[in-house]
N, C-alpha and C. Protein backbone atom coordinates (compact mmCIF):
# COMPACT_ATOMS: atom_id res chain seq x y z
N MET A 1 26.91 -17.39 -16.63
CA MET A 1 25.73 -18.04 -15.45
C MET A 1 24.31 -18.20 -16.29
N THR A 2 23.82 -18.94 -15.34
CA THR A 2 22.72 -19.55 -15.82
C THR A 2 21.57 -18.52 -14.45
N ALA A 3 20.60 -18.87 -15.61
CA ALA A 3 19.51 -17.84 -14.59
C ALA A 3 19.06 -18.43 -13.06
N SER A 4 18.53 -18.11 -12.28
CA SER A 4 18.23 -19.04 -11.21
C SER A 4 16.30 -18.86 -11.36
N TYR A 5 15.91 -19.83 -11.36
CA TYR A 5 14.45 -20.16 -11.63
C TYR A 5 13.54 -20.28 -10.66
N THR A 6 12.50 -19.36 -10.00
CA THR A 6 10.87 -19.88 -9.16
C THR A 6 10.51 -19.92 -9.60
N TRP A 7 9.44 -21.03 -8.67
CA TRP A 7 8.00 -21.67 -9.12
C TRP A 7 7.27 -21.03 -7.59
N ASP A 8 6.55 -20.09 -7.81
CA ASP A 8 6.17 -19.21 -6.88
C ASP A 8 4.60 -20.17 -7.17
N VAL A 9 3.79 -21.05 -5.97
CA VAL A 9 2.79 -20.85 -6.17
C VAL A 9 2.21 -21.44 -5.18
N PHE A 10 1.09 -20.84 -4.92
CA PHE A 10 -0.84 -20.32 -3.36
C PHE A 10 -1.00 -21.93 -3.48
N THR A 11 -1.46 -22.42 -2.04
CA THR A 11 -2.50 -22.95 -1.82
C THR A 11 -2.79 -23.56 -0.58
N THR A 12 -4.26 -24.38 -0.42
CA THR A 12 -4.36 -24.81 0.46
C THR A 12 -3.30 -25.40 1.65
N LEU A 13 -4.27 -25.77 2.51
CA LEU A 13 -3.35 -27.44 3.47
C LEU A 13 -3.60 -28.48 2.34
N ASP A 14 -4.00 -28.08 2.33
CA ASP A 14 -4.88 -29.67 1.10
C ASP A 14 -3.74 -30.07 -0.07
N GLY A 15 -3.29 -28.74 -0.56
CA GLY A 15 -2.51 -29.10 -1.45
C GLY A 15 -3.85 -28.56 -2.78
N PHE A 16 -3.94 -28.06 -2.78
CA PHE A 16 -5.50 -27.05 -3.91
C PHE A 16 -4.82 -25.92 -4.26
N GLY A 17 -4.62 -25.56 -5.80
CA GLY A 17 -4.53 -24.56 -6.29
C GLY A 17 -5.62 -23.26 -6.74
N SER A 18 -6.61 -24.01 -6.55
CA SER A 18 -8.43 -22.90 -6.80
C SER A 18 -8.98 -23.57 -6.19
N TYR A 19 -10.13 -22.85 -6.29
CA TYR A 19 -11.58 -23.57 -5.46
C TYR A 19 -13.14 -23.68 -6.59
N ASN A 20 -13.60 -24.45 -6.76
CA ASN A 20 -14.67 -24.16 -7.92
C ASN A 20 -15.33 -23.70 -7.74
N ALA A 21 -16.85 -23.03 -8.36
CA ALA A 21 -17.33 -21.93 -8.51
C ALA A 21 -18.15 -21.71 -7.85
N HIS A 22 -18.24 -23.19 -6.47
CA HIS A 22 -19.40 -23.43 -5.72
C HIS A 22 -18.70 -22.77 -4.63
N GLY A 23 -17.63 -22.63 -4.55
CA GLY A 23 -16.70 -21.98 -2.91
C GLY A 23 -17.30 -20.09 -3.06
N ASP A 24 -17.59 -20.22 -1.96
CA ASP A 24 -17.58 -18.51 -1.21
C ASP A 24 -16.19 -17.90 -0.66
N TRP A 25 -14.61 -18.88 -0.59
CA TRP A 25 -13.75 -17.97 -0.23
C TRP A 25 -13.68 -16.63 -0.75
N GLY A 26 -13.06 -16.30 -1.91
CA GLY A 26 -12.36 -14.89 -2.32
C GLY A 26 -11.09 -15.15 -3.06
N GLY A 27 -11.13 -14.23 -3.31
CA GLY A 27 -9.35 -14.15 -3.78
C GLY A 27 -8.32 -14.83 -1.74
N TYR A 28 -7.12 -15.55 -2.32
CA TYR A 28 -6.51 -15.65 -0.70
C TYR A 28 -6.99 -16.52 0.06
N TRP A 29 -8.02 -17.15 -0.63
CA TRP A 29 -9.48 -17.79 0.54
C TRP A 29 -9.28 -16.45 1.52
N GLY A 30 -9.97 -15.91 1.36
CA GLY A 30 -10.19 -14.68 2.42
C GLY A 30 -8.97 -14.72 3.91
N LYS A 31 -7.77 -14.95 3.50
CA LYS A 31 -6.60 -14.53 4.31
C LYS A 31 -5.75 -13.89 4.09
N GLN A 32 -5.54 -13.11 3.45
CA GLN A 32 -4.79 -12.37 2.94
C GLN A 32 -4.80 -11.14 4.43
N GLY A 33 -3.32 -10.42 4.57
CA GLY A 33 -3.44 -9.36 5.39
C GLY A 33 -1.84 -8.85 4.49
N PRO A 34 -1.90 -7.25 5.58
CA PRO A 34 -1.20 -6.34 5.62
C PRO A 34 0.15 -7.08 5.64
N GLU A 35 0.95 -7.97 6.40
CA GLU A 35 1.77 -8.08 6.21
C GLU A 35 2.69 -9.46 4.53
N LEU A 36 1.63 -9.84 4.33
CA LEU A 36 2.00 -10.68 3.05
C LEU A 36 1.54 -9.72 2.26
N LEU A 37 0.55 -9.20 2.04
CA LEU A 37 0.57 -7.96 0.78
C LEU A 37 2.02 -7.46 0.17
N ASP A 38 2.08 -6.78 1.59
CA ASP A 38 3.35 -6.18 1.71
C ASP A 38 4.99 -6.99 1.36
N HIS A 39 5.10 -7.97 1.75
CA HIS A 39 5.81 -9.03 1.08
C HIS A 39 5.86 -9.44 -0.01
N ARG A 40 5.09 -9.35 -0.66
CA ARG A 40 3.61 -9.91 -2.34
C ARG A 40 5.19 -8.80 -3.36
N LEU A 41 4.10 -7.67 -3.02
CA LEU A 41 4.23 -6.00 -3.27
C LEU A 41 6.36 -6.16 -3.01
N ALA A 42 7.33 -6.61 -2.23
CA ALA A 42 8.22 -5.86 -2.03
C ALA A 42 9.44 -7.61 -2.78
N LEU A 43 8.61 -8.57 -2.70
CA LEU A 43 9.60 -9.47 -3.95
C LEU A 43 8.81 -9.32 -5.25
N TYR A 44 8.10 -9.28 -5.69
CA TYR A 44 7.67 -8.71 -6.83
C TYR A 44 8.40 -6.65 -7.70
N GLY A 45 9.10 -6.83 -6.53
CA GLY A 45 9.49 -5.25 -6.93
C GLY A 45 10.93 -5.14 -7.63
N ALA A 46 11.85 -7.22 -6.92
CA ALA A 46 12.82 -6.94 -7.80
C ALA A 46 12.94 -6.95 -9.50
N GLU A 47 14.25 -6.88 -10.12
CA GLU A 47 14.40 -6.92 -11.30
C GLU A 47 13.84 -7.95 -11.99
N GLN A 48 13.21 -8.98 -12.51
CA GLN A 48 12.69 -10.04 -12.84
C GLN A 48 11.99 -10.63 -13.78
N ARG A 49 12.31 -11.95 -14.52
CA ARG A 49 11.67 -11.99 -15.65
C ARG A 49 10.44 -13.37 -15.49
N MET A 50 8.90 -12.75 -15.52
CA MET A 50 7.75 -13.62 -15.82
C MET A 50 8.28 -14.93 -16.30
N VAL A 51 7.19 -16.41 -15.69
CA VAL A 51 7.59 -17.12 -17.52
C VAL A 51 6.12 -18.12 -16.71
N PHE A 52 5.13 -18.35 -17.64
CA PHE A 52 3.35 -18.53 -17.74
C PHE A 52 3.62 -19.24 -18.44
N GLY A 53 2.48 -19.91 -18.48
CA GLY A 53 1.64 -20.94 -19.56
C GLY A 53 0.70 -20.61 -20.03
N ALA A 54 0.35 -20.90 -20.79
CA ALA A 54 -1.46 -20.33 -21.91
C ALA A 54 -2.05 -20.01 -20.25
N ASN A 55 -2.32 -21.70 -20.44
CA ASN A 55 -3.81 -21.05 -19.44
C ASN A 55 -4.24 -20.47 -17.86
N THR A 56 -2.45 -20.11 -17.84
CA THR A 56 -2.03 -18.67 -16.64
C THR A 56 -2.49 -17.41 -17.23
N TYR A 57 -1.89 -16.76 -17.88
CA TYR A 57 -1.65 -16.18 -18.48
C TYR A 57 -3.05 -15.84 -18.79
N ARG A 58 -4.09 -16.64 -19.54
CA ARG A 58 -5.31 -16.49 -19.87
C ARG A 58 -6.12 -15.93 -18.70
N ALA A 59 -5.76 -16.71 -18.01
CA ALA A 59 -6.98 -16.95 -16.53
C ALA A 59 -6.03 -15.67 -15.45
N PHE A 60 -5.22 -14.67 -15.73
CA PHE A 60 -4.75 -13.57 -15.47
C PHE A 60 -5.79 -12.64 -15.73
N ALA A 61 -4.95 -12.37 -17.43
CA ALA A 61 -5.72 -11.16 -18.55
C ALA A 61 -7.16 -11.74 -18.68
N GLN A 62 -8.29 -12.45 -17.68
CA GLN A 62 -9.32 -12.71 -17.80
C GLN A 62 -9.53 -12.51 -16.65
N MET A 63 -9.20 -12.26 -15.79
CA MET A 63 -9.21 -11.50 -14.00
C MET A 63 -9.17 -10.48 -14.21
N LEU A 64 -7.86 -10.29 -15.05
CA LEU A 64 -8.14 -8.57 -14.33
C LEU A 64 -8.27 -8.06 -15.69
N ALA A 65 -9.04 -7.99 -16.61
CA ALA A 65 -9.85 -7.50 -17.35
C ALA A 65 -11.59 -7.20 -17.20
N SER A 66 -11.58 -7.96 -16.09
CA SER A 66 -13.66 -8.08 -15.34
C SER A 66 -12.72 -7.69 -13.84
N SER A 67 -11.33 -7.14 -13.84
CA SER A 67 -12.02 -6.62 -12.18
C SER A 67 -11.67 -5.07 -12.65
N THR A 68 -11.58 -4.01 -11.72
CA THR A 68 -11.95 -2.86 -11.16
C THR A 68 -11.02 -2.28 -10.31
N ALA A 69 -10.27 -1.08 -10.57
CA ALA A 69 -9.38 -1.23 -9.66
C ALA A 69 -9.01 -1.22 -8.55
N GLU A 70 -10.40 -1.23 -7.67
CA GLU A 70 -10.26 -1.75 -6.61
C GLU A 70 -10.37 -2.76 -5.67
N SER A 71 -10.40 -3.98 -6.85
CA SER A 71 -10.57 -5.19 -6.39
C SER A 71 -9.92 -6.00 -6.15
N GLU A 72 -9.67 -7.06 -5.41
CA GLU A 72 -7.83 -7.53 -5.07
C GLU A 72 -7.60 -8.48 -5.92
N VAL A 73 -8.10 -8.54 -7.34
CA VAL A 73 -7.22 -8.94 -8.09
C VAL A 73 -6.21 -8.06 -8.71
N ARG A 74 -6.47 -6.42 -8.55
CA ARG A 74 -5.67 -5.16 -8.36
C ARG A 74 -5.09 -5.08 -7.36
N ASP A 75 -4.46 -6.30 -7.49
CA ASP A 75 -3.72 -5.35 -5.36
C ASP A 75 -2.26 -5.25 -5.86
N PRO A 76 -1.52 -4.23 -4.87
CA PRO A 76 -0.63 -3.67 -5.93
C PRO A 76 0.58 -4.78 -6.50
N TRP A 77 0.82 -5.76 -5.62
CA TRP A 77 2.28 -7.11 -5.73
C TRP A 77 1.45 -7.27 -7.61
N VAL A 78 -0.31 -7.02 -7.30
CA VAL A 78 -0.01 -8.07 -9.41
C VAL A 78 0.10 -7.27 -10.13
N THR A 79 -0.41 -5.78 -10.00
CA THR A 79 -0.31 -4.47 -10.27
C THR A 79 2.31 -4.64 -10.97
N ARG A 80 2.48 -4.82 -10.26
CA ARG A 80 3.72 -4.42 -10.54
C ARG A 80 3.94 -5.93 -10.97
N MET A 81 3.56 -6.77 -10.93
CA MET A 81 4.03 -8.38 -11.40
C MET A 81 3.50 -8.14 -12.67
N ARG A 82 2.21 -7.90 -13.17
CA ARG A 82 1.89 -7.54 -15.00
C ARG A 82 2.60 -6.54 -15.25
N SER A 83 3.61 -5.51 -14.85
CA SER A 83 4.64 -5.08 -15.21
C SER A 83 5.80 -4.96 -15.71
N LEU A 84 6.47 -6.67 -15.15
CA LEU A 84 7.54 -7.06 -15.39
C LEU A 84 7.56 -7.85 -16.92
N PRO A 85 9.22 -7.97 -17.49
CA PRO A 85 8.60 -8.55 -18.99
C PRO A 85 8.04 -10.49 -18.60
N ALA A 86 7.81 -10.73 -19.46
CA ALA A 86 6.72 -12.17 -19.64
C ALA A 86 7.41 -12.49 -20.10
N THR A 87 7.08 -13.98 -20.58
CA THR A 87 7.39 -14.79 -21.28
C THR A 87 5.82 -15.90 -21.44
N ILE A 88 5.18 -16.36 -22.09
CA ILE A 88 4.22 -17.18 -21.91
C ILE A 88 4.57 -18.30 -23.12
N VAL A 89 4.62 -19.54 -22.81
CA VAL A 89 5.14 -19.84 -23.01
C VAL A 89 4.15 -21.10 -23.68
N SER A 90 3.72 -21.31 -24.64
CA SER A 90 2.34 -21.44 -25.50
C SER A 90 2.00 -21.58 -27.41
N THR A 91 1.61 -23.13 -27.22
CA THR A 91 1.74 -23.58 -29.32
C THR A 91 0.22 -23.24 -29.05
N THR A 92 -0.28 -22.13 -28.57
CA THR A 92 -1.68 -21.95 -29.07
C THR A 92 -2.30 -20.52 -29.25
N LEU A 93 -1.53 -19.52 -27.97
CA LEU A 93 -1.68 -18.10 -28.02
C LEU A 93 -0.78 -17.44 -29.27
N GLU A 94 -1.41 -16.42 -30.10
CA GLU A 94 -0.44 -15.25 -30.80
C GLU A 94 -0.06 -14.57 -30.32
N GLY A 95 0.65 -13.71 -30.19
CA GLY A 95 0.51 -12.18 -30.22
C GLY A 95 -0.48 -11.02 -31.33
N PRO A 96 -0.21 -9.94 -30.82
CA PRO A 96 -0.32 -8.95 -29.50
C PRO A 96 -0.91 -9.83 -28.05
N LEU A 97 -0.15 -9.74 -27.14
CA LEU A 97 -1.18 -10.04 -25.63
C LEU A 97 -1.09 -9.07 -24.69
N ASP A 98 -2.52 -9.19 -24.39
CA ASP A 98 -3.52 -7.95 -23.02
C ASP A 98 -2.31 -7.89 -22.02
N TRP A 99 -0.39 -7.45 -22.31
CA TRP A 99 0.10 -7.39 -20.80
C TRP A 99 0.86 -7.00 -21.67
N PRO A 100 1.37 -5.55 -20.79
CA PRO A 100 2.18 -4.36 -21.04
C PRO A 100 4.05 -5.10 -21.71
N ASP A 101 4.83 -6.47 -21.40
CA ASP A 101 5.81 -6.55 -21.90
C ASP A 101 6.09 -8.12 -22.39
N ALA A 102 4.99 -8.23 -22.83
CA ALA A 102 4.86 -10.05 -22.66
C ALA A 102 5.34 -10.46 -24.57
N THR A 103 6.57 -11.77 -24.53
CA THR A 103 6.51 -12.56 -25.87
C THR A 103 6.17 -13.75 -25.57
N VAL A 104 5.20 -14.06 -26.61
CA VAL A 104 4.71 -15.46 -26.67
C VAL A 104 6.17 -16.26 -27.37
N VAL A 105 6.40 -17.76 -26.20
CA VAL A 105 7.16 -18.71 -27.54
C VAL A 105 6.29 -19.86 -27.46
N SER A 106 6.53 -20.20 -29.28
CA SER A 106 5.92 -21.53 -29.30
C SER A 106 6.96 -22.54 -29.07
N GLY A 107 6.69 -23.32 -28.89
CA GLY A 107 7.61 -24.78 -28.21
C GLY A 107 7.16 -25.38 -26.67
N ASP A 108 8.50 -26.68 -26.52
CA ASP A 108 7.87 -26.78 -24.88
C ASP A 108 8.67 -26.51 -24.50
N ALA A 109 7.73 -26.54 -23.35
CA ALA A 109 8.15 -25.67 -21.95
C ALA A 109 9.80 -25.69 -21.42
N VAL A 110 10.09 -27.24 -21.74
CA VAL A 110 11.22 -27.63 -21.05
C VAL A 110 12.33 -27.17 -21.98
N ASP A 111 11.93 -27.27 -22.98
CA ASP A 111 13.42 -26.28 -23.50
C ASP A 111 13.16 -24.90 -23.94
N VAL A 112 12.22 -23.98 -24.07
CA VAL A 112 11.74 -23.32 -23.79
C VAL A 112 12.32 -22.33 -22.81
N VAL A 113 12.43 -22.47 -21.24
CA VAL A 113 12.14 -22.48 -19.67
C VAL A 113 14.76 -22.97 -20.40
N ALA A 114 14.91 -23.83 -20.48
CA ALA A 114 16.13 -24.34 -20.63
C ALA A 114 17.15 -22.76 -20.81
N ARG A 115 16.00 -22.85 -22.25
CA ARG A 115 17.16 -21.19 -23.16
C ARG A 115 17.22 -20.28 -22.15
N LEU A 116 15.17 -20.20 -21.26
CA LEU A 116 15.96 -18.80 -21.07
C LEU A 116 16.76 -18.30 -19.45
N LYS A 117 16.29 -19.92 -19.31
CA LYS A 117 17.83 -19.89 -18.19
C LYS A 117 19.37 -19.52 -18.12
N GLU A 118 19.92 -20.34 -19.43
CA GLU A 118 20.80 -19.53 -20.27
C GLU A 118 21.05 -18.48 -20.56
N GLU A 119 20.28 -17.69 -21.35
CA GLU A 119 19.72 -16.39 -22.10
C GLU A 119 19.68 -15.05 -21.17
N SER A 120 19.35 -15.70 -19.98
CA SER A 120 18.62 -14.37 -19.33
C SER A 120 19.30 -13.30 -18.32
N GLU A 121 19.21 -12.40 -18.86
CA GLU A 121 20.55 -11.31 -17.73
C GLU A 121 19.71 -11.42 -16.21
N VAL A 122 18.34 -11.58 -15.67
CA VAL A 122 18.14 -11.60 -14.79
C VAL A 122 17.28 -12.63 -14.32
N PRO A 123 16.61 -13.61 -12.67
CA PRO A 123 16.14 -13.97 -12.04
C PRO A 123 14.82 -13.86 -12.95
N LEU A 124 13.79 -15.80 -13.41
CA LEU A 124 13.29 -16.22 -13.87
C LEU A 124 12.11 -16.74 -12.55
N ARG A 125 11.39 -16.27 -12.71
CA ARG A 125 9.81 -16.34 -12.02
C ARG A 125 8.42 -16.53 -12.01
N SER A 126 8.11 -17.90 -11.69
CA SER A 126 6.50 -17.78 -12.04
C SER A 126 5.60 -18.04 -11.16
N HIS A 127 4.37 -17.30 -11.62
CA HIS A 127 3.81 -17.40 -10.38
C HIS A 127 2.24 -18.21 -11.06
N GLY A 128 1.28 -19.84 -10.43
CA GLY A 128 1.03 -20.29 -11.04
C GLY A 128 1.56 -21.73 -11.88
N SER A 129 0.82 -21.23 -12.88
CA SER A 129 1.55 -22.43 -14.47
C SER A 129 1.69 -24.14 -13.49
N LEU A 130 0.66 -24.14 -12.95
CA LEU A 130 1.06 -25.99 -12.49
C LEU A 130 0.97 -26.75 -13.41
N SER A 131 1.01 -27.30 -14.49
CA SER A 131 1.18 -28.20 -15.32
C SER A 131 2.69 -28.04 -16.10
N MET A 132 3.19 -27.01 -16.21
CA MET A 132 4.35 -26.67 -17.25
C MET A 132 4.78 -26.60 -15.60
N ASN A 133 5.19 -25.86 -14.78
CA ASN A 133 6.09 -26.11 -13.56
C ASN A 133 6.31 -27.43 -12.80
N ARG A 134 5.23 -28.56 -13.46
CA ARG A 134 5.11 -30.05 -12.98
C ARG A 134 6.29 -30.36 -13.53
N ALA A 135 6.43 -30.05 -15.17
CA ALA A 135 7.01 -30.52 -16.40
C ALA A 135 8.40 -29.98 -16.04
N LEU A 136 8.42 -28.76 -15.72
CA LEU A 136 9.56 -28.60 -15.16
C LEU A 136 10.78 -28.82 -14.24
N MET A 137 9.87 -28.99 -13.06
CA MET A 137 10.98 -29.72 -11.63
C MET A 137 11.50 -31.16 -12.78
N ALA A 138 10.25 -31.82 -13.43
CA ALA A 138 10.74 -33.20 -13.32
C ALA A 138 12.35 -33.46 -14.06
N ALA A 139 12.40 -31.97 -15.26
CA ALA A 139 13.22 -31.94 -15.96
C ALA A 139 13.89 -30.71 -15.05
N GLY A 140 14.58 -30.56 -13.39
CA GLY A 140 15.56 -29.92 -12.93
C GLY A 140 15.68 -29.00 -13.12
N LEU A 141 14.77 -28.16 -13.80
CA LEU A 141 14.54 -26.31 -13.96
C LEU A 141 14.46 -25.58 -13.25
N VAL A 142 13.41 -26.25 -12.16
CA VAL A 142 13.56 -25.10 -10.70
C VAL A 142 13.93 -25.08 -9.68
N ASP A 143 15.02 -23.82 -9.63
CA ASP A 143 15.86 -23.99 -8.56
C ASP A 143 15.14 -24.13 -7.25
N ARG A 144 13.78 -23.28 -7.52
CA ARG A 144 13.27 -22.59 -5.86
C ARG A 144 11.40 -22.58 -5.58
N LEU A 145 11.57 -23.90 -4.91
CA LEU A 145 10.08 -23.72 -5.38
C LEU A 145 9.34 -23.55 -3.58
N GLN A 146 8.57 -21.84 -4.07
CA GLN A 146 7.96 -21.09 -3.36
C GLN A 146 6.73 -21.83 -3.18
N VAL A 147 6.46 -21.64 -1.56
CA VAL A 147 4.95 -22.28 -1.50
C VAL A 147 4.37 -21.02 -0.49
N THR A 148 2.81 -20.80 -1.04
CA THR A 148 2.45 -20.32 0.69
C THR A 148 1.04 -20.61 0.76
N ILE A 149 1.24 -21.64 1.99
CA ILE A 149 0.12 -21.85 2.13
C ILE A 149 -0.69 -21.16 3.29
N PHE A 150 -2.02 -21.43 2.34
CA PHE A 150 -3.21 -20.36 3.03
C PHE A 150 -3.78 -21.63 4.50
N PRO A 151 -4.16 -20.94 5.74
CA PRO A 151 -4.46 -22.11 6.57
C PRO A 151 -6.16 -22.04 6.13
N VAL A 152 -6.91 -23.13 5.39
CA VAL A 152 -7.77 -23.68 4.48
C VAL A 152 -7.59 -24.64 4.30
N ILE A 153 -8.57 -25.48 4.70
CA ILE A 153 -8.80 -26.80 4.10
C ILE A 153 -9.64 -26.88 2.78
N SER A 154 -9.65 -27.21 1.48
CA SER A 154 -10.53 -27.11 0.60
C SER A 154 -11.41 -28.15 -0.16
N GLY A 155 -11.84 -29.54 0.76
CA GLY A 155 -11.94 -30.19 0.03
C GLY A 155 -13.13 -30.15 -0.38
N HIS A 156 -13.83 -29.74 -0.19
CA HIS A 156 -15.21 -29.78 -1.15
C HIS A 156 -14.81 -28.88 -2.08
N THR A 157 -14.61 -28.08 -2.16
CA THR A 157 -14.59 -26.74 -3.14
C THR A 157 -12.98 -27.06 -3.86
N GLY A 158 -12.12 -27.49 -3.36
CA GLY A 158 -10.25 -26.99 -4.03
C GLY A 158 -10.62 -27.58 -5.32
N GLN A 159 -9.93 -27.14 -6.25
CA GLN A 159 -9.82 -27.44 -7.49
C GLN A 159 -8.37 -26.90 -7.64
N GLU A 160 -7.91 -28.83 -8.93
CA GLU A 160 -6.23 -28.37 -9.45
C GLU A 160 -5.45 -28.58 -8.32
N PRO A 161 -5.05 -29.45 -7.87
CA PRO A 161 -4.27 -30.12 -7.14
C PRO A 161 -2.93 -30.00 -7.59
N ILE A 162 -2.34 -28.76 -6.59
CA ILE A 162 -0.88 -28.45 -7.44
C ILE A 162 0.26 -29.51 -7.77
N PHE A 163 0.69 -30.65 -6.96
CA PHE A 163 1.44 -31.58 -7.11
C PHE A 163 0.73 -33.30 -7.90
N GLN A 164 -0.33 -32.87 -8.43
CA GLN A 164 -0.56 -34.28 -8.99
C GLN A 164 -0.09 -34.75 -10.11
N GLY A 165 0.49 -35.85 -9.97
CA GLY A 165 0.63 -35.76 -11.29
C GLY A 165 2.57 -35.60 -11.50
N ALA A 166 2.71 -35.26 -9.81
CA ALA A 166 4.28 -34.61 -10.40
C ALA A 166 5.34 -35.38 -9.72
N ALA A 167 7.14 -35.92 -10.43
CA ALA A 167 7.58 -36.17 -10.20
C ALA A 167 7.35 -36.29 -8.66
N ASP A 168 8.47 -37.71 -7.74
CA ASP A 168 9.18 -37.34 -6.60
C ASP A 168 10.34 -36.74 -6.50
N PHE A 169 9.80 -35.69 -5.49
CA PHE A 169 11.45 -34.64 -5.09
C PHE A 169 11.62 -34.88 -3.69
N ASP A 170 13.05 -35.22 -3.20
CA ASP A 170 13.33 -34.84 -2.02
C ASP A 170 13.34 -32.63 -1.51
N LEU A 171 12.94 -32.23 -0.74
CA LEU A 171 13.05 -30.74 -0.58
C LEU A 171 13.46 -30.74 0.42
N GLU A 172 14.89 -29.33 0.20
CA GLU A 172 15.59 -28.91 1.27
C GLU A 172 15.09 -27.58 1.78
N LEU A 173 14.33 -27.27 2.97
CA LEU A 173 14.05 -26.05 3.52
C LEU A 173 14.69 -24.88 3.34
N ILE A 174 14.51 -24.07 3.00
CA ILE A 174 16.28 -23.01 2.88
C ILE A 174 15.48 -21.53 3.70
N GLU A 175 14.20 -21.35 3.37
CA GLU A 175 13.58 -20.01 4.17
C GLU A 175 12.64 -20.17 4.44
N SER A 176 11.62 -19.94 5.09
CA SER A 176 10.25 -20.55 6.12
C SER A 176 9.83 -18.74 7.28
N ARG A 177 9.12 -19.02 6.73
CA ARG A 177 8.23 -16.73 7.25
C ARG A 177 6.61 -17.54 7.03
N THR A 178 6.51 -16.57 9.03
CA THR A 178 4.77 -16.73 9.64
C THR A 178 3.71 -14.86 9.02
N PHE A 179 3.08 -14.68 7.82
CA PHE A 179 2.11 -13.49 7.56
C PHE A 179 1.53 -13.25 8.56
N ASP A 180 1.09 -12.44 9.15
CA ASP A 180 -0.52 -11.81 9.50
C ASP A 180 -1.05 -13.54 10.10
N GLY A 181 0.43 -13.80 10.66
CA GLY A 181 0.01 -14.39 12.54
C GLY A 181 -0.85 -15.77 11.92
N ARG A 182 -0.69 -16.48 10.10
CA ARG A 182 -1.51 -17.52 10.20
C ARG A 182 -1.35 -17.88 8.44
N THR A 183 -0.41 -17.59 7.20
CA THR A 183 0.16 -17.81 5.87
C THR A 183 1.21 -18.06 6.32
N GLN A 184 1.68 -19.14 5.81
CA GLN A 184 2.67 -19.58 5.79
C GLN A 184 3.95 -19.77 4.84
N GLU A 185 4.81 -19.46 4.15
CA GLU A 185 5.81 -19.28 2.61
C GLU A 185 7.08 -19.78 3.36
N LEU A 186 7.30 -21.39 2.65
CA LEU A 186 8.45 -22.39 2.22
C LEU A 186 8.71 -21.72 0.92
N ILE A 187 9.98 -21.80 0.92
CA ILE A 187 10.41 -22.02 0.20
C ILE A 187 11.77 -23.04 0.33
N TYR A 188 11.76 -23.57 -0.70
CA TYR A 188 12.59 -25.43 -0.94
C TYR A 188 13.06 -25.13 -2.30
N LEU A 189 14.72 -26.11 -1.92
CA LEU A 189 15.70 -26.19 -3.40
C LEU A 189 15.03 -28.13 -3.60
N PRO A 190 14.55 -27.94 -4.58
CA PRO A 190 13.69 -29.18 -4.89
C PRO A 190 15.29 -30.32 -5.55
N THR A 191 14.50 -31.33 -5.43
CA THR A 191 16.41 -32.42 -5.32
C THR A 191 15.32 -33.57 -5.95
N ARG A 192 15.51 -34.07 -6.95
CA ARG A 192 14.19 -35.58 -7.92
C ARG A 192 14.62 -36.39 -7.06
N HIS A 193 13.51 -37.12 -6.82
CA HIS A 193 14.34 -38.33 -5.53
C HIS A 193 13.93 -39.35 -6.85
N HIS A 194 15.20 -40.38 -6.54
CA HIS A 194 15.44 -41.32 -7.57
C HIS A 194 15.06 -42.90 -6.39
């Protein structure tokens, strides 16, 4: 049986995954609330394996290294995510990494994840890793696209357009939730549009 693969991504309404240093939004674009944070904690409570590209791993490792126990970077769900086994797909990183149960696998992400899907006993999940996950979607390896849309437009400060350069996809909405009266989570089954 093939393990399922979920691409979990945060975005603004206008499709940006982050903001530049001149933005003053703060994490979650300042829109996190208790319902969202509780949901994220529960989501990462299930047994699963994380999959990250090198750039996302580096960003997480740098944020966590420079954070304090009280900062939002150390939200309980992030701490739980960090405790899960992780595969880092990279041709530039070498172990050991500053992640408790991480393995670096060198090679093309499509090949690595195809093999992981065949071998893994638990579901696979990736948070962020935009370029890697766009390639995985194009290869038909993303089973679920979980998009959390924060209620902001970051036209001036937005960086990293989530789907820039992505292939065309039809999306079947299978779940939707609203957290704290403002943040939307949409879960889709993506199918390549031909």
